[in-house]
Amino acid sequence: MKRPRRNHAPAFKAKVALAALQGDRTLAELAQQFDVHPNQITQWKSQLLARATELFETAADRDAARPDVTTLHAKIGQLALENDFLAGALGRLPDASGKR
């Protein structure tokens, strides 16, 4: 019979990933100790390493990384207007490439 899916708390995941980073025990030993699959430990460890820099970012760094939404909305509006104009101009062409 299959074991039901388990949801682990973020604190537990961090604890397991930090234990894996220490490197004093093998993945098999950690898997047995924490009762999780070794692949899961490897995945949590890689997530911790990939997102560790986010811990030390300031609010200014996070805001600088985000795109300016108002500029993007303005660009979308401009492109939509150009598409509408060009679609109308293409419909007036008499050759075969025009709309019918």
Protein backbone atom coordinates (compact mmCIF):
# COMPACT_ATOMS: atom_id res chain seq x y z
CA MET A 1 0.00 0.00 0.00
CA LYS A 2 1.31 3.47 -0.89
CA ARG A 3 2.15 6.01 1.75
CA PRO A 4 0.00 9.17 1.50
CA ARG A 5 1.63 12.36 0.25
CA ARG A 6 3.36 14.38 2.91
CA ASN A 7 3.74 18.13 3.03
CA HIS A 8 6.85 19.29 4.82
CA ALA A 9 7.11 22.61 6.59
CA PRO A 10 9.63 25.15 5.27
CA ALA A 11 11.54 24.95 8.56
CA PHE A 12 11.96 21.20 8.13
CA LYS A 13 13.14 21.62 4.54
CA ALA A 14 15.69 24.22 5.63
CA LYS A 15 16.93 21.97 8.42
CA VAL A 16 17.41 19.04 6.03
CA ALA A 17 19.07 21.20 3.36
CA LEU A 18 21.47 22.71 5.89
CA ALA A 19 22.37 19.25 7.15
CA ALA A 20 23.09 18.22 3.55
CA LEU A 21 25.26 21.31 3.05
CA GLN A 22 27.38 20.47 6.09
CA GLY A 23 28.54 17.33 4.33
CA ASP A 24 29.40 15.33 7.43
CA ARG A 25 26.86 12.62 6.55
CA THR A 26 25.95 10.93 3.27
CA LEU A 27 22.65 11.43 1.49
CA ALA A 28 21.58 7.92 2.42
CA GLU A 29 22.20 8.60 6.09
CA LEU A 30 20.31 11.88 5.93
CA ALA A 31 17.44 10.24 4.08
CA GLN A 32 17.17 7.59 6.75
CA GLN A 33 17.43 10.09 9.60
CA PHE A 34 14.80 12.50 8.23
CA ASP A 35 12.66 9.84 6.48
CA VAL A 36 12.72 11.52 3.05
CA HIS A 37 14.03 10.38 -0.33
CA PRO A 38 17.65 11.27 -1.21
CA ASN A 39 16.47 12.97 -4.42
CA GLN A 40 14.25 15.24 -2.33
CA ILE A 41 17.20 16.21 -0.15
CA THR A 42 19.26 17.03 -3.24
CA GLN A 43 16.43 19.16 -4.61
CA TRP A 44 16.01 21.11 -1.36
CA LYS A 45 19.77 21.63 -1.15
CA SER A 46 19.93 23.03 -4.69
CA GLN A 47 16.96 25.33 -3.97
CA LEU A 48 18.71 26.61 -0.86
CA LEU A 49 21.90 27.32 -2.79
CA ALA A 50 20.04 29.01 -5.65
CA ARG A 51 17.99 31.30 -3.42
CA ALA A 52 20.51 32.00 -0.65
CA THR A 53 21.37 35.40 -2.12
CA GLU A 54 17.77 36.56 -1.62
CA LEU A 55 18.39 36.54 2.12
CA PHE A 56 20.87 39.38 1.92
CA GLU A 57 19.13 41.57 -0.68
CA THR A 58 17.87 44.93 0.44
CA ALA A 59 14.46 46.31 -0.48
CA ALA A 60 16.12 48.63 -3.01
CA ASP A 61 17.76 45.64 -4.73
CA ARG A 62 14.43 43.82 -4.97
CA ASP A 63 12.67 46.90 -6.38
CA ALA A 64 15.43 47.44 -8.95
CA ALA A 65 15.03 43.88 -10.20
CA ARG A 66 11.29 44.33 -10.90
CA PRO A 67 10.20 45.80 -14.23
CA ASP A 68 8.30 49.10 -14.25
CA VAL A 69 4.68 48.06 -14.80
CA THR A 70 3.44 51.44 -16.05
CA THR A 71 6.11 51.52 -18.77
CA LEU A 72 5.20 48.01 -19.84
CA HIS A 73 1.49 48.87 -20.00
CA ALA A 74 2.27 51.92 -22.13
CA LYS A 75 4.35 49.79 -24.51
CA ILE A 76 1.55 47.21 -24.79
CA GLY A 77 -0.93 49.97 -25.64
CA GLN A 78 1.39 51.40 -28.29
CA LEU A 79 1.93 48.00 -29.91
CA ALA A 80 -1.80 47.25 -29.90
CA LEU A 81 -2.48 50.58 -31.60
CA GLU A 82 0.18 49.89 -34.25
CA ASN A 83 -1.22 46.39 -34.88
CA ASP A 84 -4.74 47.80 -35.36
CA PHE A 85 -3.46 50.47 -37.74
CA LEU A 86 -1.42 48.02 -39.81
CA ALA A 87 -4.27 45.51 -39.95
CA GLY A 88 -6.55 48.23 -41.32
CA ALA A 89 -3.94 49.40 -43.85
CA LEU A 90 -3.35 45.83 -45.03
CA GLY A 91 -7.07 45.42 -45.70
CA ARG A 92 -7.02 48.32 -48.17
CA LEU A 93 -4.29 46.84 -50.39
CA PRO A 94 -5.60 45.60 -53.74
CA ASP A 95 -3.06 42.79 -54.27
CA ALA A 96 -3.39 39.14 -53.19
CA SER A 97 -1.67 39.60 -49.83
CA GLY A 98 -4.43 41.89 -48.55
CA LYS A 99 -7.43 40.73 -46.49
CA ARG A 100 -10.59 39.79 -48.30
